[in-house]
Amino acid sequence: MDKSLHNARAVAEILNSAGFDAEAVEMDLASRESIRNLIKKAREYGQIAMLVNAAGVSPSQAPVEAILKVDLYGTAVLLEEVGKVIREGGTGVTISSQSGHRMPALTPEEDEQLACTPAEELLDLPILQPEHIKDTLHAYQMAKRCNEKRVMAEAVKWGQRGARINSISPGIIVTPLAVDEFNGPRGDFYKNMFANCPAGRPGTADEVADVAELLMSDKGAFITGADFLIDGGATASWFYGPLRPEK
């Protein structure tokens, strides 16, 4: 699924050519109605057993309002709605970001607000108001912090259905979204980040998929409510190495 049906069809064609049975569906992550329509469509084929949410927009792709609406609110709604119907033994992964780990710590009360506030009230939280969001990067970081906390809270609810949900926080991964960032106003920042992380390079989508495969399989049966940082050590370097900001 994709907000662009053209893009969704292109991916479906690749999957079908590889032997899968995929159908393209248009869906807007910022719309609860659109999310419900997607779930309704999926249930035509049987019970929902798995969810992989990789939808989102980056700091160079959208304004603050859109980032919060899609990456923060939309992900919260998707986890909530799928959590209502996921089958026993089902599992899900949502893609977050290392950005949520680099942001300064919030108070315990603020973390709980991000985790537990009803989705329709999330964007009304004081910490998400324009006077508290400095720029698109800050909005993105806040959205990804919310993703991580939301997964923890939703894991409790999913567990009541015998299902699991986790998140993955990739670092610099070579994808179309990352290319937009490389060519955007923070391009030099991101290039310096992967050059000076312990791995010394950006990651690949396959490396993220390897972790998702573990989480979605029976080998990950005891893992739920967790976030996995896959960034080549960039966050470690940010706090304790050459990427550490000057004070």
C-alpha atoms as a PDB file:
ATOM      1  CA  MET A   1       0.000   0.000   0.000  1.00  0.00           C
ATOM      2  CA  ASP A   2       1.064   3.578  -0.617  1.00  0.00           C
ATOM      3  CA  LYS A   3      -0.519   7.017  -0.715  1.00  0.00           C
ATOM      4  CA  SER A   4       0.360   6.919  -4.416  1.00  0.00           C
ATOM      5  CA  LEU A   5      -1.478   4.118  -6.188  1.00  0.00           C
ATOM      6  CA  HIS A   6       1.105   4.333  -8.975  1.00  0.00           C
ATOM      7  CA  ASN A   7       3.898   3.574  -6.507  1.00  0.00           C
ATOM      8  CA  ALA A   8       1.891   0.795  -4.878  1.00  0.00           C
ATOM      9  CA  ARG A   9       1.306  -0.836  -8.261  1.00  0.00           C
ATOM     10  CA  ALA A  10       5.008  -0.667  -9.082  1.00  0.00           C
ATOM     11  CA  VAL A  11       5.885  -2.506  -5.866  1.00  0.00           C
ATOM     12  CA  ALA A  12       3.075  -5.026  -6.350  1.00  0.00           C
ATOM     13  CA  GLU A  13       4.390  -5.786  -9.832  1.00  0.00           C
ATOM     14  CA  ILE A  14       7.849  -6.542  -8.437  1.00  0.00           C
ATOM     15  CA  LEU A  15       6.404  -8.797  -5.732  1.00  0.00           C
ATOM     16  CA  ASN A  16       4.144 -10.635  -8.152  1.00  0.00           C
ATOM     17  CA  SER A  17       7.078 -11.189 -10.500  1.00  0.00           C
ATOM     18  CA  ALA A  18       8.939 -12.766  -7.574  1.00  0.00           C
ATOM     19  CA  GLY A  19       6.140 -15.256  -7.000  1.00  0.00           C
ATOM     20  CA  PHE A  20       4.102 -13.471  -4.352  1.00  0.00           C
ATOM     21  CA  ASP A  21       0.398 -12.670  -4.612  1.00  0.00           C
ATOM     22  CA  ALA A  22       0.304  -8.909  -4.027  1.00  0.00           C
ATOM     23  CA  GLU A  23      -2.419  -6.356  -4.668  1.00  0.00           C
ATOM     24  CA  ALA A  24      -1.822  -2.605  -4.821  1.00  0.00           C
ATOM     25  CA  VAL A  25      -3.928  -0.496  -2.459  1.00  0.00           C
ATOM     26  CA  GLU A  26      -4.030   3.274  -2.043  1.00  0.00           C
ATOM     27  CA  MET A  27      -3.876   4.377   1.601  1.00  0.00           C
ATOM     28  CA  ASP A  28      -3.247   7.645   3.438  1.00  0.00           C
ATOM     29  CA  LEU A  29      -1.584   7.023   6.813  1.00  0.00           C
ATOM     30  CA  ALA A  30      -2.818  10.409   8.041  1.00  0.00           C
ATOM     31  CA  SER A  31      -6.467   9.290   7.733  1.00  0.00           C
ATOM     32  CA  ARG A  32      -8.181   6.906  10.154  1.00  0.00           C
ATOM     33  CA  GLU A  33     -10.878   6.253   7.549  1.00  0.00           C
ATOM     34  CA  SER A  34      -8.246   5.302   4.970  1.00  0.00           C
ATOM     35  CA  ILE A  35      -6.549   2.989   7.476  1.00  0.00           C
ATOM     36  CA  ARG A  36      -9.852   1.302   8.274  1.00  0.00           C
ATOM     37  CA  ASN A  37     -10.559   0.831   4.577  1.00  0.00           C
ATOM     38  CA  LEU A  38      -7.162  -0.834   4.156  1.00  0.00           C
ATOM     39  CA  ILE A  39      -7.874  -3.200   7.042  1.00  0.00           C
ATOM     40  CA  LYS A  40     -11.298  -4.000   5.610  1.00  0.00           C
ATOM     41  CA  LYS A  41      -9.677  -4.811   2.271  1.00  0.00           C
ATOM     42  CA  ALA A  42      -7.051  -7.012   3.921  1.00  0.00           C
ATOM     43  CA  ARG A  43      -9.686  -8.955   5.857  1.00  0.00           C
ATOM     44  CA  GLU A  44     -11.339  -9.970   2.601  1.00  0.00           C
ATOM     45  CA  TYR A  45      -8.450 -12.426   2.289  1.00  0.00           C
ATOM     46  CA  GLY A  46      -8.720 -13.779   5.834  1.00  0.00           C
ATOM     47  CA  GLN A  47      -7.423 -12.887   9.270  1.00  0.00           C
ATOM     48  CA  ILE A  48      -4.624 -10.347   9.541  1.00  0.00           C
ATOM     49  CA  ALA A  49      -1.493 -12.175  10.653  1.00  0.00           C
ATOM     50  CA  MET A  50       1.269  -9.628  10.042  1.00  0.00           C
ATOM     51  CA  LEU A  51       1.806  -5.877   9.818  1.00  0.00           C
ATOM     52  CA  VAL A  52       4.851  -4.086   8.440  1.00  0.00           C
ATOM     53  CA  ASN A  53       4.570  -0.309   8.590  1.00  0.00           C
ATOM     54  CA  ALA A  54       7.304   1.501   6.685  1.00  0.00           C
ATOM     55  CA  ALA A  55       5.227   4.548   5.697  1.00  0.00           C
ATOM     56  CA  GLY A  56       6.351   8.032   6.622  1.00  0.00           C
ATOM     57  CA  VAL A  57       7.851  11.331   5.515  1.00  0.00           C
ATOM     58  CA  SER A  58      11.269  12.767   6.332  1.00  0.00           C
ATOM     59  CA  PRO A  59      12.340  16.238   7.557  1.00  0.00           C
ATOM     60  CA  SER A  60      13.302  17.245   4.008  1.00  0.00           C
ATOM     61  CA  GLN A  61      10.081  15.966   2.454  1.00  0.00           C
ATOM     62  CA  ALA A  62       7.338  17.653   4.458  1.00  0.00           C
ATOM     63  CA  PRO A  63       6.489  20.527   6.827  1.00  0.00           C
ATOM     64  CA  VAL A  64       6.119  20.099  10.583  1.00  0.00           C
ATOM     65  CA  GLU A  65       2.356  19.618  10.462  1.00  0.00           C
ATOM     66  CA  ALA A  66       2.539  16.817   7.893  1.00  0.00           C
ATOM     67  CA  ILE A  67       5.324  15.001   9.751  1.00  0.00           C
ATOM     68  CA  LEU A  68       3.312  14.978  12.970  1.00  0.00           C
ATOM     69  CA  LYS A  69       0.116  13.988  11.180  1.00  0.00           C
ATOM     70  CA  VAL A  70       1.662  11.111   9.222  1.00  0.00           C
ATOM     71  CA  ASP A  71       4.595   9.802  11.257  1.00  0.00           C
ATOM     72  CA  LEU A  72       3.167  10.384  14.728  1.00  0.00           C
ATOM     73  CA  TYR A  73      -0.642  10.385  14.586  1.00  0.00           C
ATOM     74  CA  GLY A  74      -0.936   8.029  11.616  1.00  0.00           C
ATOM     75  CA  THR A  75       1.332   5.386  13.104  1.00  0.00           C
ATOM     76  CA  ALA A  76      -0.556   5.544  16.405  1.00  0.00           C
ATOM     77  CA  VAL A  77      -3.878   5.020  14.625  1.00  0.00           C
ATOM     78  CA  LEU A  78      -2.533   2.175  12.482  1.00  0.00           C
ATOM     79  CA  LEU A  79      -1.192   0.279  15.502  1.00  0.00           C
ATOM     80  CA  GLU A  80      -4.462   0.843  17.333  1.00  0.00           C
ATOM     81  CA  GLU A  81      -6.721  -0.275  14.477  1.00  0.00           C
ATOM     82  CA  VAL A  82      -4.667  -3.318  13.489  1.00  0.00           C
ATOM     83  CA  GLY A  83      -4.386  -4.227  17.156  1.00  0.00           C
ATOM     84  CA  LYS A  84      -8.158  -4.609  17.290  1.00  0.00           C
ATOM     85  CA  VAL A  85      -8.186  -7.356  14.650  1.00  0.00           C
ATOM     86  CA  ILE A  86      -4.734  -8.980  14.602  1.00  0.00           C
ATOM     87  CA  ARG A  87      -5.106 -12.737  14.919  1.00  0.00           C
ATOM     88  CA  GLU A  88      -3.707 -14.837  17.742  1.00  0.00           C
ATOM     89  CA  GLY A  89      -0.046 -15.480  17.035  1.00  0.00           C
ATOM     90  CA  GLY A  90       0.099 -12.410  14.805  1.00  0.00           C
ATOM     91  CA  THR A  91       3.016 -10.016  14.791  1.00  0.00           C
ATOM     92  CA  GLY A  92       3.929  -6.569  13.559  1.00  0.00           C
ATOM     93  CA  VAL A  93       6.879  -4.265  12.982  1.00  0.00           C
ATOM     94  CA  THR A  94       6.782  -0.516  12.556  1.00  0.00           C
ATOM     95  CA  ILE A  95       9.783   1.409  11.246  1.00  0.00           C
ATOM     96  CA  SER A  96      10.884   4.219  13.546  1.00  0.00           C
ATOM     97  CA  SER A  97      14.278   5.975  13.382  1.00  0.00           C
ATOM     98  CA  GLN A  98      17.536   6.592  15.191  1.00  0.00           C
ATOM     99  CA  SER A  99      16.395  10.226  15.383  1.00  0.00           C
ATOM    100  CA  GLY A 100      14.135   9.396  18.293  1.00  0.00           C
ATOM    101  CA  HIS A 101      17.169   8.167  20.238  1.00  0.00           C
ATOM    102  CA  ARG A 102      19.233  11.318  19.623  1.00  0.00           C
ATOM    103  CA  MET A 103      16.609  13.695  20.975  1.00  0.00           C
ATOM    104  CA  PRO A 104      17.132  14.818  24.590  1.00  0.00           C
ATOM    105  CA  ALA A 105      15.202  12.821  27.163  1.00  0.00           C
ATOM    106  CA  LEU A 106      11.613  13.778  27.871  1.00  0.00           C
ATOM    107  CA  THR A 107      10.094  13.678  31.339  1.00  0.00           C
ATOM    108  CA  PRO A 108       8.424  10.416  32.429  1.00  0.00           C
ATOM    109  CA  GLU A 109       5.097  12.223  32.233  1.00  0.00           C
ATOM    110  CA  GLU A 110       5.729  13.335  28.644  1.00  0.00           C
ATOM    111  CA  ASP A 111       6.806   9.833  27.614  1.00  0.00           C
ATOM    112  CA  GLU A 112       3.611   8.429  29.108  1.00  0.00           C
ATOM    113  CA  GLN A 113       1.553  11.030  27.261  1.00  0.00           C
ATOM    114  CA  LEU A 114       3.092   9.973  23.957  1.00  0.00           C
ATOM    115  CA  ALA A 115       2.522   6.306  24.801  1.00  0.00           C
ATOM    116  CA  CYS A 116      -1.012   6.400  26.168  1.00  0.00           C
ATOM    117  CA  THR A 117      -2.898   9.506  25.034  1.00  0.00           C
ATOM    118  CA  PRO A 118      -5.872   8.554  22.816  1.00  0.00           C
ATOM    119  CA  ALA A 119      -4.753   8.900  19.205  1.00  0.00           C
ATOM    120  CA  GLU A 120      -7.330  11.568  18.387  1.00  0.00           C
ATOM    121  CA  GLU A 121      -5.939  13.743  21.195  1.00  0.00           C
ATOM    122  CA  LEU A 122      -2.233  13.246  20.484  1.00  0.00           C
ATOM    123  CA  LEU A 123      -1.745  16.311  18.317  1.00  0.00           C
ATOM    124  CA  ASP A 124      -3.295  18.474  21.057  1.00  0.00           C
ATOM    125  CA  LEU A 125      -0.548  17.635  23.562  1.00  0.00           C
ATOM    126  CA  PRO A 126       1.313  20.760  24.772  1.00  0.00           C
ATOM    127  CA  ILE A 127       4.729  19.320  23.787  1.00  0.00           C
ATOM    128  CA  LEU A 128       3.547  19.003  20.174  1.00  0.00           C
ATOM    129  CA  GLN A 129       2.355  22.583  19.766  1.00  0.00           C
ATOM    130  CA  PRO A 130       4.156  24.901  17.287  1.00  0.00           C
ATOM    131  CA  GLU A 131       5.862  26.933  20.002  1.00  0.00           C
ATOM    132  CA  HIS A 132       7.590  23.774  21.257  1.00  0.00           C
ATOM    133  CA  ILE A 133       8.589  22.262  17.877  1.00  0.00           C
ATOM    134  CA  LYS A 134      11.705  24.016  16.582  1.00  0.00           C
ATOM    135  CA  ASP A 135      11.807  22.692  13.013  1.00  0.00           C
ATOM    136  CA  THR A 136      11.035  19.692  10.804  1.00  0.00           C
ATOM    137  CA  LEU A 137      13.901  17.654  12.274  1.00  0.00           C
ATOM    138  CA  HIS A 138      12.582  18.199  15.793  1.00  0.00           C
ATOM    139  CA  ALA A 139       9.085  17.203  14.632  1.00  0.00           C
ATOM    140  CA  TYR A 140      10.518  14.036  13.087  1.00  0.00           C
ATOM    141  CA  GLN A 141      12.455  13.195  16.251  1.00  0.00           C
ATOM    142  CA  MET A 142       9.349  13.693  18.362  1.00  0.00           C
ATOM    143  CA  ALA A 143       7.300  11.513  16.018  1.00  0.00           C
ATOM    144  CA  LYS A 144       9.846   8.711  16.206  1.00  0.00           C
ATOM    145  CA  ARG A 145      10.076   8.953  19.996  1.00  0.00           C
ATOM    146  CA  CYS A 146       6.296   8.627  20.014  1.00  0.00           C
ATOM    147  CA  ASN A 147       6.495   5.568  17.730  1.00  0.00           C
ATOM    148  CA  GLU A 148       8.783   3.802  20.194  1.00  0.00           C
ATOM    149  CA  LYS A 149       6.626   4.616  23.215  1.00  0.00           C
ATOM    150  CA  ARG A 150       3.437   3.783  21.364  1.00  0.00           C
ATOM    151  CA  VAL A 151       4.767   0.348  20.429  1.00  0.00           C
ATOM    152  CA  MET A 152       5.468  -0.353  24.098  1.00  0.00           C
ATOM    153  CA  ALA A 153       1.930   0.593  25.130  1.00  0.00           C
ATOM    154  CA  GLU A 154       0.312  -1.227  22.207  1.00  0.00           C
ATOM    155  CA  ALA A 155       2.326  -4.377  22.977  1.00  0.00           C
ATOM    156  CA  VAL A 156       0.264  -4.731  26.152  1.00  0.00           C
ATOM    157  CA  LYS A 157      -2.989  -4.578  24.164  1.00  0.00           C
ATOM    158  CA  TRP A 158      -1.728  -6.792  21.344  1.00  0.00           C
ATOM    159  CA  GLY A 159      -0.618  -9.292  23.959  1.00  0.00           C
ATOM    160  CA  GLN A 160      -4.208  -9.670  25.117  1.00  0.00           C
ATOM    161  CA  ARG A 161      -4.903 -11.099  21.659  1.00  0.00           C
ATOM    162  CA  GLY A 162      -1.820 -13.308  21.744  1.00  0.00           C
ATOM    163  CA  ALA A 163       0.016 -11.057  19.276  1.00  0.00           C
ATOM    164  CA  ARG A 164       3.330  -9.172  19.260  1.00  0.00           C
ATOM    165  CA  ILE A 165       4.426  -5.725  18.047  1.00  0.00           C
ATOM    166  CA  ASN A 166       7.932  -4.214  17.885  1.00  0.00           C
ATOM    167  CA  SER A 167       9.715  -1.303  16.249  1.00  0.00           C
ATOM    168  CA  ILE A 168      12.982  -0.933  14.370  1.00  0.00           C
ATOM    169  CA  SER A 169      14.956   2.316  14.457  1.00  0.00           C
ATOM    170  CA  PRO A 170      17.264   2.405  11.425  1.00  0.00           C
ATOM    171  CA  GLY A 171      20.092   4.855  11.017  1.00  0.00           C
ATOM    172  CA  ILE A 172      21.289   6.032   7.616  1.00  0.00           C
ATOM    173  CA  ILE A 173      19.926   3.410   5.231  1.00  0.00           C
ATOM    174  CA  VAL A 174      20.310   3.827   1.468  1.00  0.00           C
ATOM    175  CA  THR A 175      16.694   4.323   0.359  1.00  0.00           C
ATOM    176  CA  PRO A 176      14.895   6.973  -1.737  1.00  0.00           C
ATOM    177  CA  LEU A 177      14.040   8.780   1.516  1.00  0.00           C
ATOM    178  CA  ALA A 178      17.715   8.838   2.520  1.00  0.00           C
ATOM    179  CA  VAL A 179      18.748  10.133  -0.899  1.00  0.00           C
ATOM    180  CA  ASP A 180      16.335  13.045  -0.401  1.00  0.00           C
ATOM    181  CA  GLU A 181      18.070  13.757   2.905  1.00  0.00           C
ATOM    182  CA  PHE A 182      21.556  13.511   1.336  1.00  0.00           C
ATOM    183  CA  ASN A 183      20.510  16.114  -1.222  1.00  0.00           C
ATOM    184  CA  GLY A 184      18.641  18.269   1.294  1.00  0.00           C
ATOM    185  CA  PRO A 185      19.804  21.050   3.625  1.00  0.00           C
ATOM    186  CA  ARG A 186      21.183  18.523   6.143  1.00  0.00           C
ATOM    187  CA  GLY A 187      22.991  16.413   3.546  1.00  0.00           C
ATOM    188  CA  ASP A 188      26.489  17.082   4.889  1.00  0.00           C
ATOM    189  CA  PHE A 189      25.311  16.284   8.413  1.00  0.00           C
ATOM    190  CA  TYR A 190      24.036  12.845   7.394  1.00  0.00           C
ATOM    191  CA  LYS A 191      27.078  12.041   5.271  1.00  0.00           C
ATOM    192  CA  ASN A 192      29.336  12.929   8.183  1.00  0.00           C
ATOM    193  CA  MET A 193      27.207  10.754  10.447  1.00  0.00           C
ATOM    194  CA  PHE A 194      27.677   7.535   8.528  1.00  0.00           C
ATOM    195  CA  ALA A 195      31.324   8.327   7.772  1.00  0.00           C
ATOM    196  CA  ASN A 196      32.085   8.704  11.482  1.00  0.00           C
ATOM    197  CA  CYS A 197      29.939   5.947  12.939  1.00  0.00           C
ATOM    198  CA  PRO A 198      31.717   2.735  14.067  1.00  0.00           C
ATOM    199  CA  ALA A 199      30.512   0.872  10.961  1.00  0.00           C
ATOM    200  CA  GLY A 200      31.908   3.620   8.716  1.00  0.00           C
ATOM    201  CA  ARG A 201      29.150   3.321   6.121  1.00  0.00           C
ATOM    202  CA  PRO A 202      25.400   3.619   5.597  1.00  0.00           C
ATOM    203  CA  GLY A 203      23.242   0.539   5.978  1.00  0.00           C
ATOM    204  CA  THR A 204      21.166  -1.345   3.436  1.00  0.00           C
ATOM    205  CA  ALA A 205      17.489  -2.183   3.374  1.00  0.00           C
ATOM    206  CA  ASP A 206      18.375  -5.881   3.469  1.00  0.00           C
ATOM    207  CA  GLU A 207      20.145  -5.408   6.794  1.00  0.00           C
ATOM    208  CA  VAL A 208      17.003  -3.888   8.278  1.00  0.00           C
ATOM    209  CA  ALA A 209      14.907  -6.651   6.719  1.00  0.00           C
ATOM    210  CA  ASP A 210      17.085  -9.274   8.413  1.00  0.00           C
ATOM    211  CA  VAL A 211      16.067  -7.925  11.821  1.00  0.00           C
ATOM    212  CA  ALA A 212      12.437  -7.635  10.750  1.00  0.00           C
ATOM    213  CA  GLU A 213      12.563 -11.275   9.661  1.00  0.00           C
ATOM    214  CA  LEU A 214      13.671 -12.290  13.155  1.00  0.00           C
ATOM    215  CA  LEU A 215      10.943 -10.239  14.818  1.00  0.00           C
ATOM    216  CA  MET A 216       8.225 -11.546  12.507  1.00  0.00           C
ATOM    217  CA  SER A 217       9.263 -15.188  12.871  1.00  0.00           C
ATOM    218  CA  ASP A 218       8.840 -17.769  15.615  1.00  0.00           C
ATOM    219  CA  LYS A 219      12.479 -17.159  16.556  1.00  0.00           C
ATOM    220  CA  GLY A 220      11.323 -13.798  17.929  1.00  0.00           C
ATOM    221  CA  ALA A 221       8.402 -15.261  19.875  1.00  0.00           C
ATOM    222  CA  PHE A 222       9.593 -13.795  23.196  1.00  0.00           C
ATOM    223  CA  ILE A 223      10.208 -10.310  21.772  1.00  0.00           C
ATOM    224  CA  THR A 224       7.437  -7.715  22.005  1.00  0.00           C
ATOM    225  CA  GLY A 225       7.187  -4.055  22.953  1.00  0.00           C
ATOM    226  CA  ALA A 226      10.840  -3.577  22.003  1.00  0.00           C
ATOM    227  CA  ASP A 227      12.736  -1.171  19.756  1.00  0.00           C
ATOM    228  CA  PHE A 228      15.824  -2.252  17.809  1.00  0.00           C
ATOM    229  CA  LEU A 229      18.402   0.405  16.937  1.00  0.00           C
ATOM    230  CA  ILE A 230      20.145  -0.469  13.650  1.00  0.00           C
ATOM    231  CA  ASP A 231      22.423   2.465  12.902  1.00  0.00           C
ATOM    232  CA  GLY A 232      25.968   1.145  12.592  1.00  0.00           C
ATOM    233  CA  GLY A 233      26.741   2.646  15.984  1.00  0.00           C
ATOM    234  CA  ALA A 234      25.886   6.227  14.973  1.00  0.00           C
ATOM    235  CA  THR A 235      23.889   6.882  18.141  1.00  0.00           C
ATOM    236  CA  ALA A 236      26.736   5.496  20.262  1.00  0.00           C
ATOM    237  CA  SER A 237      29.124   7.846  18.470  1.00  0.00           C
ATOM    238  CA  TRP A 238      26.657  10.728  18.928  1.00  0.00           C
ATOM    239  CA  PHE A 239      26.779  10.355  22.710  1.00  0.00           C
ATOM    240  CA  TYR A 240      30.263   8.964  23.296  1.00  0.00           C
ATOM    241  CA  GLY A 241      32.358   9.401  20.140  1.00  0.00           C
ATOM    242  CA  PRO A 242      33.387  11.753  17.340  1.00  0.00           C
ATOM    243  CA  LEU A 243      29.795  12.616  16.433  1.00  0.00           C
ATOM    244  CA  ARG A 244      29.165  14.073  19.879  1.00  0.00           C
ATOM    245  CA  PRO A 245      27.902  17.675  19.528  1.00  0.00           C
ATOM    246  CA  GLU A 246      30.167  20.387  20.874  1.00  0.00           C
ATOM    247  CA  LYS A 247      28.948  21.864  24.154  1.00  0.00           C
END
